PDB file of N, CA and C in Angstrom:
ATOM      1  N   MET A   1     -10.189  -3.282  -0.773  1.00  0.00           N
ATOM      2  CA  MET A   1      -9.826  -3.806  -1.911  1.00  0.00           C
ATOM      3  C   MET A   1      -8.481  -3.527  -2.748  1.00  0.00           C
ATOM      4  N   ALA A   2      -6.929  -4.787  -2.927  1.00  0.00           N
ATOM      5  CA  ALA A   2      -5.881  -4.018  -3.457  1.00  0.00           C
ATOM      6  C   ALA A   2      -5.064  -5.044  -4.492  1.00  0.00           C
ATOM      7  N   VAL A   3      -4.691  -4.585  -5.212  1.00  0.00           N
ATOM      8  CA  VAL A   3      -3.728  -4.970  -5.707  1.00  0.00           C
ATOM      9  C   VAL A   3      -1.975  -4.539  -5.530  1.00  0.00           C
ATOM     10  N   TYR A   4      -1.110  -5.930  -5.165  1.00  0.00           N
ATOM     11  CA  TYR A   4      -0.208  -5.620  -4.914  1.00  0.00           C
ATOM     12  C   TYR A   4       0.728  -6.209  -5.906  1.00  0.00           C
ATOM     13  N   ILE A   5       2.430  -5.664  -5.748  1.00  0.00           N
ATOM     14  CA  ILE A   5       3.172  -5.702  -7.309  1.00  0.00           C
ATOM     15  C   ILE A   5       4.626  -5.749  -5.927  1.00  0.00           C
ATOM     16  N   ASP A   6       5.263  -6.601  -6.100  1.00  0.00           N
ATOM     17  CA  ASP A   6       6.757  -7.109  -5.289  1.00  0.00           C
ATOM     18  C   ASP A   6       7.964  -5.850  -6.605  1.00  0.00           C
ATOM     19  N   PRO A   7       8.842  -5.821  -6.353  1.00  0.00           N
ATOM     20  CA  PRO A   7      10.042  -5.569  -7.353  1.00  0.00           C
ATOM     21  C   PRO A   7      10.579  -5.995  -8.266  1.00  0.00           C
ATOM     22  N   PRO A   8      11.146  -6.062  -9.458  1.00  0.00           N
ATOM     23  CA  PRO A   8      10.909  -7.140 -10.765  1.00  0.00           C
ATOM     24  C   PRO A   8      12.627  -8.109 -10.503  1.00  0.00           C
ATOM     25  N   VAL A   9      12.154  -9.151  -9.112  1.00  0.00           N
ATOM     26  CA  VAL A   9      13.692  -9.169  -8.605  1.00  0.00           C
ATOM     27  C   VAL A   9      13.714 -10.087  -9.273  1.00  0.00           C
ATOM     28  N   TRP A  10      13.079 -11.457 -10.012  1.00  0.00           N
ATOM     29  CA  TRP A  10      12.943 -12.907 -10.279  1.00  0.00           C
ATOM     30  C   TRP A  10      12.829 -13.658 -11.417  1.00  0.00           C
ATOM     31  N   PRO A  11      14.378 -14.011 -11.477  1.00  0.00           N
ATOM     32  CA  PRO A  11      14.625 -14.315 -13.249  1.00  0.00           C
ATOM     33  C   PRO A  11      13.520 -15.506 -13.888  1.00  0.00           C
ATOM     34  N   GLY A  12      13.238 -15.029 -15.108  1.00  0.00           N
ATOM     35  CA  GLY A  12      12.918 -16.401 -15.447  1.00  0.00           C
ATOM     36  C   GLY A  12      11.987 -16.436 -16.246  1.00  0.00           C
ATOM     37  N   HIS A  13      12.447 -16.951 -17.556  1.00  0.00           N
ATOM     38  CA  HIS A  13      12.047 -16.319 -19.451  1.00  0.00           C
ATOM     39  C   HIS A  13      12.544 -15.528 -19.483  1.00  0.00           C
ATOM     40  N   GLY A  14      14.498 -15.983 -19.028  1.00  0.00           N
ATOM     41  CA  GLY A  14      15.161 -14.873 -19.470  1.00  0.00           C
ATOM     42  C   GLY A  14      14.941 -12.871 -19.424  1.00  0.00           C
ATOM     43  N   ARG A  15      14.613 -13.109 -18.093  1.00  0.00           N
ATOM     44  CA  ARG A  15      14.004 -11.863 -17.899  1.00  0.00           C
ATOM     45  C   ARG A  15      13.597 -11.536 -16.609  1.00  0.00           C
ATOM     46  N   MET A  16      13.718 -10.656 -15.964  1.00  0.00           N
ATOM     47  CA  MET A  16      12.879 -10.573 -14.530  1.00  0.00           C
ATOM     48  C   MET A  16      11.663  -9.692 -15.071  1.00  0.00           C
ATOM     49  N   LEU A  17      11.331 -10.878 -13.374  1.00  0.00           N
ATOM     50  CA  LEU A  17       9.529 -10.659 -12.736  1.00  0.00           C
ATOM     51  C   LEU A  17       9.685  -9.957 -11.500  1.00  0.00           C
ATOM     52  N   SER A  18       8.421 -10.205 -12.114  1.00  0.00           N
ATOM     53  CA  SER A  18       7.054  -9.230 -10.680  1.00  0.00           C
ATOM     54  C   SER A  18       6.501 -10.229 -10.531  1.00  0.00           C
ATOM     55  N   HIS A  19       5.665  -9.887  -8.744  1.00  0.00           N
ATOM     56  CA  HIS A  19       4.341 -10.730  -8.546  1.00  0.00           C
ATOM     57  C   HIS A  19       3.995 -10.320  -8.504  1.00  0.00           C
ATOM     58  N   LEU A  20       2.521 -10.332  -8.907  1.00  0.00           N
ATOM     59  CA  LEU A  20       0.999  -9.191  -9.269  1.00  0.00           C
ATOM     60  C   LEU A  20       0.263 -10.218  -8.115  1.00  0.00           C
ATOM     61  N   VAL A  21      -0.449  -9.294  -6.962  1.00  0.00           N
ATOM     62  CA  VAL A  21      -1.142 -10.417  -6.029  1.00  0.00           C
ATOM     63  C   VAL A  21      -2.409  -9.488  -6.034  1.00  0.00           C
ATOM     64  N   SER A  22      -3.743 -10.616  -5.813  1.00  0.00           N
ATOM     65  CA  SER A  22      -4.655  -9.645  -4.954  1.00  0.00           C
ATOM     66  C   SER A  22      -5.331 -10.254  -3.756  1.00  0.00           C
ATOM     67  N   ASP A  23      -5.850  -9.039  -2.531  1.00  0.00           N
ATOM     68  CA  ASP A  23      -5.796  -9.705  -1.549  1.00  0.00           C
ATOM     69  C   ASP A  23      -7.683  -9.338  -1.333  1.00  0.00           C
ATOM     70  N   VAL A  24      -7.425  -9.636  -2.133  1.00  0.00           N
ATOM     71  CA  VAL A  24      -9.035  -9.837  -2.244  1.00  0.00           C
ATOM     72  C   VAL A  24     -10.258 -10.780  -3.010  1.00  0.00           C
ATOM     73  N   SER A  25      -9.929 -11.365  -4.458  1.00  0.00           N
ATOM     74  CA  SER A  25      -9.959 -12.162  -4.584  1.00  0.00           C
ATOM     75  C   SER A  25      -9.157 -12.552  -6.785  1.00  0.00           C
ATOM     76  N   TYR A  26      -9.730 -13.554  -6.926  1.00  0.00           N
ATOM     77  CA  TYR A  26      -8.526 -13.951  -7.794  1.00  0.00           C
ATOM     78  C   TYR A  26      -9.361 -12.942  -9.108  1.00  0.00           C
ATOM     79  N   ALA A  27     -10.782 -13.221  -9.261  1.00  0.00           N
ATOM     80  CA  ALA A  27     -11.364 -12.570  -9.962  1.00  0.00           C
ATOM     81  C   ALA A  27     -10.857 -10.958 -10.685  1.00  0.00           C
ATOM     82  N   GLU A  28     -10.038 -10.731  -9.053  1.00  0.00           N
ATOM     83  CA  GLU A  28     -10.019  -8.760  -8.883  1.00  0.00           C
ATOM     84  C   GLU A  28      -8.371  -8.685  -9.646  1.00  0.00           C
ATOM     85  N   LEU A  29      -8.198  -9.737  -9.130  1.00  0.00           N
ATOM     86  CA  LEU A  29      -6.245  -9.878  -9.913  1.00  0.00           C
ATOM     87  C   LEU A  29      -7.030 -10.187 -11.674  1.00  0.00           C
ATOM     88  N   HIS A  30      -7.442 -11.384 -11.911  1.00  0.00           N
ATOM     89  CA  HIS A  30      -7.402 -11.732 -13.415  1.00  0.00           C
ATOM     90  C   HIS A  30      -8.703  -9.758 -13.868  1.00  0.00           C
ATOM     91  N   GLU A  31      -8.783  -8.780 -13.401  1.00  0.00           N
ATOM     92  CA  GLU A  31      -9.912  -7.743 -14.186  1.00  0.00           C
ATOM     93  C   GLU A  31      -8.925  -6.934 -14.425  1.00  0.00           C
ATOM     94  N   PHE A  32      -7.818  -7.183 -13.417  1.00  0.00           N
ATOM     95  CA  PHE A  32      -7.047  -5.907 -13.412  1.00  0.00           C
ATOM     96  C   PHE A  32      -5.306  -5.853 -14.233  1.00  0.00           C
ATOM     97  N   ALA A  33      -5.448  -7.238 -13.678  1.00  0.00           N
ATOM     98  CA  ALA A  33      -4.077  -7.886 -14.815  1.00  0.00           C
ATOM     99  C   ALA A  33      -4.480  -7.425 -16.529  1.00  0.00           C
ATOM    100  N   GLU A  34      -5.798  -7.814 -16.430  1.00  0.00           N
ATOM    101  CA  GLU A  34      -6.053  -6.984 -18.366  1.00  0.00           C
ATOM    102  C   GLU A  34      -6.080  -6.101 -18.894  1.00  0.00           C
ATOM    103  N   ARG A  35      -6.897  -5.615 -17.144  1.00  0.00           N
ATOM    104  CA  ARG A  35      -6.498  -3.465 -17.767  1.00  0.00           C
ATOM    105  C   ARG A  35      -5.235  -3.202 -18.015  1.00  0.00           C
ATOM    106  N   VAL A  36      -4.755  -3.689 -17.298  1.00  0.00           N
ATOM    107  CA  VAL A  36      -2.702  -3.530 -17.709  1.00  0.00           C
ATOM    108  C   VAL A  36      -2.144  -4.014 -19.348  1.00  0.00           C
ATOM    109  N   GLY A  37      -2.857  -5.135 -19.634  1.00  0.00           N
ATOM    110  CA  GLY A  37      -2.160  -6.123 -20.847  1.00  0.00           C
ATOM    111  C   GLY A  37      -1.130  -7.602 -20.020  1.00  0.00           C
ATOM    112  N   VAL A  38      -1.623  -7.467 -19.246  1.00  0.00           N
ATOM    113  CA  VAL A  38      -1.204  -9.016 -19.059  1.00  0.00           C
ATOM    114  C   VAL A  38      -1.889 -10.406 -19.887  1.00  0.00           C
ATOM    115  N   PRO A  39      -1.299 -11.308 -20.000  1.00  0.00           N
ATOM    116  CA  PRO A  39      -1.645 -12.453 -20.237  1.00  0.00           C
ATOM    117  C   PRO A  39      -1.739 -13.099 -19.541  1.00  0.00           C
ATOM    118  N   ARG A  40      -2.934 -13.725 -19.811  1.00  0.00           N
ATOM    119  CA  ARG A  40      -3.575 -14.853 -18.747  1.00  0.00           C
ATOM    120  C   ARG A  40      -2.818 -16.057 -18.769  1.00  0.00           C
ATOM    121  N   ARG A  41      -2.416 -16.176 -19.306  1.00  0.00           N
ATOM    122  CA  ARG A  41      -1.027 -17.108 -19.789  1.00  0.00           C
ATOM    123  C   ARG A  41      -0.123 -17.105 -18.595  1.00  0.00           C
ATOM    124  N   GLY A  42       0.294 -15.391 -17.930  1.00  0.00           N
ATOM    125  CA  GLY A  42       0.916 -15.010 -16.758  1.00  0.00           C
ATOM    126  C   GLY A  42       0.630 -15.411 -15.119  1.00  0.00           C
ATOM    127  N   PHE A  43      -0.584 -15.869 -15.683  1.00  0.00           N
ATOM    128  CA  PHE A  43      -1.636 -16.451 -14.124  1.00  0.00           C
ATOM    129  C   PHE A  43      -0.388 -17.790 -13.328  1.00  0.00           C
ATOM    130  N   ASP A  44      -0.168 -17.876 -11.978  1.00  0.00           N
ATOM    131  CA  ASP A  44       0.712 -19.047 -11.504  1.00  0.00           C
ATOM    132  C   ASP A  44      -0.747 -19.139 -10.495  1.00  0.00           C
ATOM    133  N   ARG A  45      -0.799 -20.036 -10.654  1.00  0.00           N
ATOM    134  CA  ARG A  45      -2.029 -20.438  -8.767  1.00  0.00           C
ATOM    135  C   ARG A  45      -2.563 -19.401  -8.126  1.00  0.00           C
ATOM    136  N   ASP A  46      -2.046 -18.614  -7.909  1.00  0.00           N
ATOM    137  CA  ASP A  46      -2.737 -17.371  -7.039  1.00  0.00           C
ATOM    138  C   ASP A  46      -1.753 -16.133  -7.090  1.00  0.00           C
ATOM    139  N   HIS A  47      -1.377 -15.819  -8.597  1.00  0.00           N
ATOM    140  CA  HIS A  47       0.066 -14.658  -8.502  1.00  0.00           C
ATOM    141  C   HIS A  47       0.447 -15.044  -9.936  1.00  0.00           C
ATOM    142  N   TYR A  48      -0.091 -13.414 -10.855  1.00  0.00           N
ATOM    143  CA  TYR A  48       1.313 -13.014 -12.435  1.00  0.00           C
ATOM    144  C   TYR A  48       2.382 -12.483 -12.114  1.00  0.00           C
ATOM    145  N   ASP A  49       3.141 -13.629 -13.496  1.00  0.00           N
ATOM    146  CA  ASP A  49       4.177 -13.139 -13.380  1.00  0.00           C
ATOM    147  C   ASP A  49       4.035 -11.411 -14.594  1.00  0.00           C
ATOM    148  N   LEU A  50       5.003 -10.630 -13.780  1.00  0.00           N
ATOM    149  CA  LEU A  50       4.372  -9.521 -14.189  1.00  0.00           C
ATOM    150  C   LEU A  50       6.118  -9.121 -15.466  1.00  0.00           C
ATOM    151  N   PRO A  51       6.461  -8.614 -16.565  1.00  0.00           N
ATOM    152  CA  PRO A  51       8.064  -9.070 -17.280  1.00  0.00           C
ATOM    153  C   PRO A  51       8.374  -7.128 -16.352  1.00  0.00           C
ATOM    154  N   SER A  52       9.430  -7.144 -16.353  1.00  0.00           N
ATOM    155  CA  SER A  52       9.482  -6.010 -15.887  1.00  0.00           C
ATOM    156  C   SER A  52       9.136  -4.668 -16.713  1.00  0.00           C
ATOM    157  N   ALA A  53       9.567  -4.984 -17.434  1.00  0.00           N
ATOM    158  CA  ALA A  53       8.837  -3.787 -18.544  1.00  0.00           C
ATOM    159  C   ALA A  53       7.094  -3.737 -18.486  1.00  0.00           C
ATOM    160  N   SER A  54       6.579  -4.279 -17.566  1.00  0.00           N
ATOM    161  CA  SER A  54       4.992  -3.736 -17.728  1.00  0.00           C
ATOM    162  C   SER A  54       5.296  -3.193 -15.903  1.00  0.00           C
ATOM    163  N   TYR A  55       6.244  -3.268 -15.615  1.00  0.00           N
ATOM    164  CA  TYR A  55       6.030  -3.141 -13.450  1.00  0.00           C
ATOM    165  C   TYR A  55       5.306  -1.775 -13.686  1.00  0.00           C
ATOM    166  N   ALA A  56       6.024  -0.614 -14.056  1.00  0.00           N
ATOM    167  CA  ALA A  56       5.577   0.416 -14.055  1.00  0.00           C
ATOM    168  C   ALA A  56       4.151   0.775 -14.633  1.00  0.00           C
ATOM    169  N   ALA A  57       3.412   0.004 -16.214  1.00  0.00           N
ATOM    170  CA  ALA A  57       2.494   0.550 -16.627  1.00  0.00           C
ATOM    171  C   ALA A  57       1.510   0.162 -14.978  1.00  0.00           C
ATOM    172  N   ALA A  58       1.992  -1.892 -14.571  1.00  0.00           N
ATOM    173  CA  ALA A  58       0.670  -1.685 -12.782  1.00  0.00           C
ATOM    174  C   ALA A  58       0.381  -0.856 -11.921  1.00  0.00           C
ATOM    175  N   VAL A  59       1.696   0.094 -12.027  1.00  0.00           N
ATOM    176  CA  VAL A  59       2.032   0.753 -10.277  1.00  0.00           C
ATOM    177  C   VAL A  59       1.372   1.853 -10.774  1.00  0.00           C
ATOM    178  N   GLU A  60       1.494   2.618 -12.693  1.00  0.00           N
ATOM    179  CA  GLU A  60       0.363   3.170 -12.824  1.00  0.00           C
ATOM    180  C   GLU A  60      -1.194   3.550 -12.563  1.00  0.00           C
ATOM    181  N   ALA A  61      -1.441   1.900 -12.723  1.00  0.00           N
ATOM    182  CA  ALA A  61      -2.890   1.632 -12.941  1.00  0.00           C
ATOM    183  C   ALA A  61      -3.082   1.175 -11.687  1.00  0.00           C
ATOM    184  N   GLY A  62      -2.587   1.832 -10.764  1.00  0.00           N
ATOM    185  CA  GLY A  62      -2.510   1.426  -9.192  1.00  0.00           C
ATOM    186  C   GLY A  62      -2.577   0.143  -8.470  1.00  0.00           C
ATOM    187  N   ALA A  63      -1.934  -0.906  -8.696  1.00  0.00           N
ATOM    188  CA  ALA A  63      -1.271  -1.853  -7.699  1.00  0.00           C
ATOM    189  C   ALA A  63      -0.168  -1.160  -7.254  1.00  0.00           C
ATOM    190  N   ILE A  64      -0.310  -1.452  -6.186  1.00  0.00           N
ATOM    191  CA  ILE A  64       0.918  -0.741  -4.615  1.00  0.00           C
ATOM    192  C   ILE A  64       1.687  -1.933  -4.462  1.00  0.00           C
ATOM    193  N   GLU A  65       3.551  -0.772  -4.896  1.00  0.00           N
ATOM    194  CA  GLU A  65       4.669  -1.706  -4.589  1.00  0.00           C
ATOM    195  C   GLU A  65       4.729  -2.071  -2.597  1.00  0.00           C
ATOM    196  N   VAL A  66       5.430  -3.590  -3.388  1.00  0.00           N
ATOM    197  CA  VAL A  66       5.682  -3.957  -1.513  1.00  0.00           C
ATOM    198  C   VAL A  66       6.340  -4.563  -1.677  1.00  0.00           C
ATOM    199  N   SER A  67       7.409  -5.047  -0.646  1.00  0.00           N
ATOM    200  CA  SER A  67       8.174  -5.755  -0.356  1.00  0.00           C
ATOM    201  C   SER A  67       7.334  -7.483  -0.917  1.00  0.00           C
ATOM    202  N   SER A  68       8.872  -8.374  -1.727  1.00  0.00           N
ATOM    203  CA  SER A  68       8.164  -9.804  -1.590  1.00  0.00           C
ATOM    204  C   SER A  68       7.653 -10.126  -0.233  1.00  0.00           C
ATOM    205  N   LYS A  69       7.926  -9.347   0.567  1.00  0.00           N
ATOM    206  CA  LYS A  69       7.800 -10.518   2.080  1.00  0.00           C
ATOM    207  C   LYS A  69       6.340 -10.209   2.406  1.00  0.00           C
ATOM    208  N   GLU A  70       6.116  -8.502   1.897  1.00  0.00           N
ATOM    209  CA  GLU A  70       5.102  -8.498   2.809  1.00  0.00           C
ATOM    210  C   GLU A  70       3.823  -8.211   1.535  1.00  0.00           C
ATOM    211  N   LEU A  71       4.010  -9.009   0.318  1.00  0.00           N
ATOM    212  CA  LEU A  71       3.432  -9.563  -0.944  1.00  0.00           C
ATOM    213  C   LEU A  71       2.859 -10.971   0.054  1.00  0.00           C
ATOM    214  N   VAL A  72       3.907 -11.448   0.078  1.00  0.00           N
ATOM    215  CA  VAL A  72       3.465 -13.181   0.684  1.00  0.00           C
ATOM    216  C   VAL A  72       2.590 -13.165   2.063  1.00  0.00           C
ATOM    217  N   ARG A  73       2.792 -12.041   2.643  1.00  0.00           N
ATOM    218  CA  ARG A  73       1.972 -11.777   3.962  1.00  0.00           C
ATOM    219  C   ARG A  73       0.772 -11.533   3.467  1.00  0.00           C
ATOM    220  N   ARG A  74       0.835 -11.130   2.933  1.00  0.00           N
ATOM    221  CA  ARG A  74      -1.281 -10.075   2.162  1.00  0.00           C
ATOM    222  C   ARG A  74      -1.597 -11.193   1.705  1.00  0.00           C
ATOM    223  N   LEU A  75      -0.892 -12.290   0.755  1.00  0.00           N
ATOM    224  CA  LEU A  75      -2.099 -13.233   0.288  1.00  0.00           C
ATOM    225  C   LEU A  75      -2.388 -13.685   0.994  1.00  0.00           C
ATOM    226  N   THR A  76      -1.512 -14.306   1.684  1.00  0.00           N
ATOM    227  CA  THR A  76      -1.832 -15.437   2.577  1.00  0.00           C
ATOM    228  C   THR A  76      -3.051 -14.710   3.990  1.00  0.00           C
ATOM    229  N   GLY A  77      -2.932 -13.683   4.523  1.00  0.00           N
ATOM    230  CA  GLY A  77      -4.359 -12.972   5.335  1.00  0.00           C
ATOM    231  C   GLY A  77      -5.044 -12.353   4.418  1.00  0.00           C
ATOM    232  N   ALA A  78      -4.929 -12.871   2.967  1.00  0.00           N
ATOM    233  CA  ALA A  78      -6.546 -12.649   2.002  1.00  0.00           C
ATOM    234  C   ALA A  78      -6.795 -13.940   2.590  1.00  0.00           C
ATOM    235  N   GLY A  79      -6.208 -15.388   2.946  1.00  0.00           N
ATOM    236  CA  GLY A  79      -6.494 -16.587   2.489  1.00  0.00           C
ATOM    237  C   GLY A  79      -6.378 -16.972   1.282  1.00  0.00           C
ATOM    238  N   LEU A  80      -5.346 -15.781   0.426  1.00  0.00           N
ATOM    239  CA  LEU A  80      -6.159 -16.674  -1.333  1.00  0.00           C
ATOM    240  C   LEU A  80      -3.979 -17.375  -1.756  1.00  0.00           C
ATOM    241  N   ARG A  81      -3.134 -17.693  -0.654  1.00  0.00           N
ATOM    242  CA  ARG A  81      -2.344 -17.942  -1.130  1.00  0.00           C
ATOM    243  C   ARG A  81      -2.791 -19.653  -1.436  1.00  0.00           C
ATOM    244  N   ARG A  82      -1.639 -20.065  -2.402  1.00  0.00           N
ATOM    245  CA  ARG A  82      -1.764 -21.136  -2.777  1.00  0.00           C
ATOM    246  C   ARG A  82      -0.295 -22.218  -3.500  1.00  0.00           C
ATOM    247  N   PRO A  83       0.032 -23.049  -1.587  1.00  0.00           N
ATOM    248  CA  PRO A  83       1.115 -23.436  -2.104  1.00  0.00           C
ATOM    249  C   PRO A  83       1.392 -24.931  -3.268  1.00  0.00           C
ATOM    250  N   ARG A  84       2.818 -25.253  -3.636  1.00  0.00           N
ATOM    251  CA  ARG A  84       3.322 -26.146  -4.243  1.00  0.00           C
ATOM    252  C   ARG A  84       3.186 -27.153  -3.641  1.00  0.00           C
TER     253      ARG A  84
END
């Protein structure tokens, strides 16, 4: 059971974003996001878009830092990837 986060390198809404995913379930992901104060509107199909200002808090709360490629690999391996 783990939640993963990639570096905040994705532009969106006038800021840089990270992606936050679970390798277990969406329920785990929603619970973690709520715990670190990420609003539900940040959820996008299979991940949360997390502003760079929230990155350190997510890592401090237990999110594991990985590359974007590794994040997608883990999400896909868990069967939770929902492509567009």
